[in-house]
Amino acid sequence: MSLVRSPGVRRQRGVTLIEVLIAVLITATGVLGAAALQLNSVKFNQVANFRSTAVFLANDITDRMRANRALALTGQYDLAMDADAPTGSAIQQIDLQEWLAEIIQRLPAGDGAVVRNGTTFTVTVAWDEGRLSQTREAGGGDTQQFVFTTEL
């Protein structure tokens, strides 16, 4: 038995290999894209967690000041950014000690401030998100702040 070939038909060689290589390339690109998406998802979830914690901590000190309104209105809860926690065993000092300890424990490079202007209080919670950003140098600082203003 002999095979009869048409004059215009040629055998194709290597086409299947090229198709496989293209399919592998497309699949690899898709997997890398999915991995990048997952990494960004984790990063943005961490950022959201930090912001939620900052809101919670600002409300915490505000509730403590409302519980001791008379002391807060006389400036006993005033605290500058980068200031150390007050020492002592008075209720306002314990409140500020616990509040700053929570900020330091829950937020990277966390700090807080309470500024009084009459009966209006501005609570600031700050933290560093620099380690979550690939475009900034480590420790270069990407300080974020949550500022909460309330009337007592």
Protein backbone atom coordinates (compact mmCIF):
# COMPACT_ATOMS: atom_id res chain seq x y z
CA MET A 1 0.00 0.00 0.00
CA SER A 2 1.43 3.32 -0.93
CA LEU A 3 0.42 6.72 0.29
CA VAL A 4 -0.58 9.12 -2.36
CA ARG A 5 0.21 12.72 -1.69
CA SER A 6 -1.46 15.63 -3.29
CA PRO A 7 0.97 17.99 -4.93
CA GLY A 8 -0.17 21.01 -2.79
CA VAL A 9 -0.19 19.30 0.62
CA ARG A 10 2.91 19.51 2.78
CA ARG A 11 3.52 17.93 6.11
CA GLN A 12 3.59 20.34 9.01
CA ARG A 13 6.25 19.78 11.58
CA GLY A 14 6.62 21.44 14.99
CA VAL A 15 3.26 23.23 14.96
CA THR A 16 1.98 21.28 17.98
CA LEU A 17 5.09 22.18 19.98
CA ILE A 18 4.61 25.89 19.25
CA GLU A 19 0.97 25.68 20.31
CA VAL A 20 1.97 24.01 23.58
CA LEU A 21 4.62 26.66 24.27
CA ILE A 22 2.12 29.47 23.67
CA ALA A 23 -0.42 27.78 25.95
CA VAL A 24 2.20 27.44 28.71
CA LEU A 25 3.16 31.11 28.31
CA ILE A 26 -0.47 32.24 28.58
CA THR A 27 -1.07 30.01 31.61
CA ALA A 28 2.10 31.25 33.35
CA THR A 29 1.05 34.87 32.76
CA GLY A 30 -2.36 34.15 34.25
CA VAL A 31 -0.88 32.46 37.32
CA LEU A 32 1.53 35.36 37.91
CA GLY A 33 -1.35 37.81 37.59
CA ALA A 34 -3.39 35.84 40.12
CA ALA A 35 -0.44 35.77 42.54
CA ALA A 36 0.00 39.54 42.25
CA LEU A 37 -3.72 40.01 42.85
CA GLN A 38 -3.52 37.86 45.98
CA LEU A 39 -0.52 39.81 47.32
CA ASN A 40 -2.29 43.13 46.78
CA SER A 41 -5.39 41.76 48.44
CA VAL A 42 -3.41 40.82 51.55
CA LYS A 43 -1.70 44.22 51.60
CA PHE A 44 -4.92 46.20 51.28
CA ASN A 45 -6.58 44.02 53.90
CA GLN A 46 -3.76 44.89 56.32
CA VAL A 47 -4.14 48.61 55.52
CA ALA A 48 -7.88 48.37 56.22
CA ASN A 49 -7.17 46.58 59.49
CA PHE A 50 -4.81 49.36 60.60
CA ARG A 51 -7.38 52.03 59.77
CA SER A 52 -10.15 50.18 61.61
CA THR A 53 -7.88 49.86 64.63
CA ALA A 54 -7.11 53.59 64.52
CA VAL A 55 -10.84 54.41 64.50
CA PHE A 56 -11.44 52.05 67.42
CA LEU A 57 -8.58 53.58 69.44
CA ALA A 58 -9.72 57.16 68.78
CA ASN A 59 -13.20 56.23 69.99
CA ASP A 60 -11.68 54.50 73.02
CA ILE A 61 -9.93 57.60 74.36
CA THR A 62 -12.97 59.74 73.52
CA ASP A 63 -15.19 57.44 75.60
CA ARG A 64 -12.69 57.62 78.46
CA MET A 65 -12.76 61.42 78.29
CA ARG A 66 -16.56 61.44 78.26
CA ALA A 67 -16.53 59.28 81.38
CA ASN A 68 -14.30 61.91 83.06
CA ARG A 69 -15.62 65.03 81.35
CA ALA A 70 -14.65 67.42 84.14
CA LEU A 71 -11.02 66.30 84.07
CA ALA A 72 -10.91 66.36 80.26
CA LEU A 73 -12.24 69.93 80.12
CA THR A 74 -9.49 71.09 82.50
CA GLY A 75 -6.80 69.69 80.17
CA GLN A 76 -5.95 66.54 82.11
CA TYR A 77 -6.21 64.41 78.92
CA ASP A 78 -4.15 66.74 76.72
CA LEU A 79 -1.27 64.84 75.12
CA ALA A 80 1.13 65.93 72.40
CA MET A 81 2.26 63.66 69.59
CA ASP A 82 5.56 61.91 70.48
CA ALA A 83 5.00 62.64 74.19
CA ASP A 84 5.55 59.88 76.70
CA ALA A 85 2.63 58.47 78.63
CA PRO A 86 2.09 60.34 81.89
CA THR A 87 3.23 58.63 85.04
CA GLY A 88 1.01 58.32 88.06
CA SER A 89 -2.05 56.49 89.26
CA ALA A 90 -4.78 59.08 88.72
CA ILE A 91 -7.61 57.91 86.46
CA GLN A 92 -6.69 60.24 83.58
CA GLN A 93 -3.05 59.16 83.74
CA ILE A 94 -4.02 55.47 83.72
CA ASP A 95 -6.40 56.12 80.80
CA LEU A 96 -3.62 57.74 78.74
CA GLN A 97 -1.08 55.06 79.72
CA GLU A 98 -3.42 52.26 78.62
CA TRP A 99 -4.44 54.10 75.45
CA LEU A 100 -0.86 54.72 74.32
CA ALA A 101 0.11 51.14 75.19
CA GLU A 102 -2.74 49.86 72.96
CA ILE A 103 -1.67 52.13 70.11
CA ILE A 104 1.93 50.93 70.35
CA GLN A 105 0.87 47.30 70.55
CA ARG A 106 -1.67 47.34 67.70
CA LEU A 107 -0.15 49.75 65.16
CA PRO A 108 3.38 49.77 63.70
CA ALA A 109 5.25 52.81 65.03
CA GLY A 110 1.93 53.96 66.49
CA ASP A 111 1.45 57.19 68.39
CA GLY A 112 -1.42 59.37 69.52
CA ALA A 113 -2.31 62.89 70.54
CA VAL A 114 -5.23 64.64 72.21
CA VAL A 115 -5.62 68.39 71.64
CA ARG A 116 -8.25 70.47 73.45
CA ASN A 117 -9.75 73.71 72.20
CA GLY A 118 -12.46 74.71 74.64
CA THR A 119 -14.93 71.84 74.62
CA THR A 120 -13.75 70.55 71.25
CA PHE A 121 -11.20 67.75 71.28
CA THR A 122 -9.11 66.52 68.36
CA VAL A 123 -7.77 63.00 68.72
CA THR A 124 -5.02 61.94 66.31
CA VAL A 125 -3.83 58.37 65.89
CA ALA A 126 -0.74 57.93 63.68
CA TRP A 127 1.07 54.84 62.38
CA ASP A 128 3.61 53.85 59.74
CA GLU A 129 2.56 51.89 56.65
CA GLY A 130 5.98 52.08 55.00
CA ARG A 131 6.59 48.33 55.23
CA LEU A 132 3.49 47.68 53.12
CA SER A 133 4.70 49.79 50.21
CA GLN A 134 7.23 48.42 47.74
CA THR A 135 7.83 51.85 46.23
CA ARG A 136 9.26 53.36 49.42
CA GLU A 137 12.44 52.51 51.23
CA ALA A 138 12.03 50.45 54.38
CA GLY A 139 11.74 52.77 57.34
CA GLY A 140 11.46 55.73 54.99
CA GLY A 141 8.08 56.44 56.48
CA ASP A 142 4.65 56.39 55.08
CA THR A 143 2.93 57.86 58.11
CA GLN A 144 -0.83 57.67 58.08
CA GLN A 145 -3.11 59.53 60.47
CA PHE A 146 -6.68 59.24 61.59
CA VAL A 147 -7.98 62.52 63.00
CA PHE A 148 -11.20 62.54 64.99
CA THR A 149 -12.80 65.74 66.29
CA THR A 150 -15.56 65.67 68.88
CA GLU A 151 -17.37 67.93 71.28
CA LEU A 152 -17.53 67.00 74.96
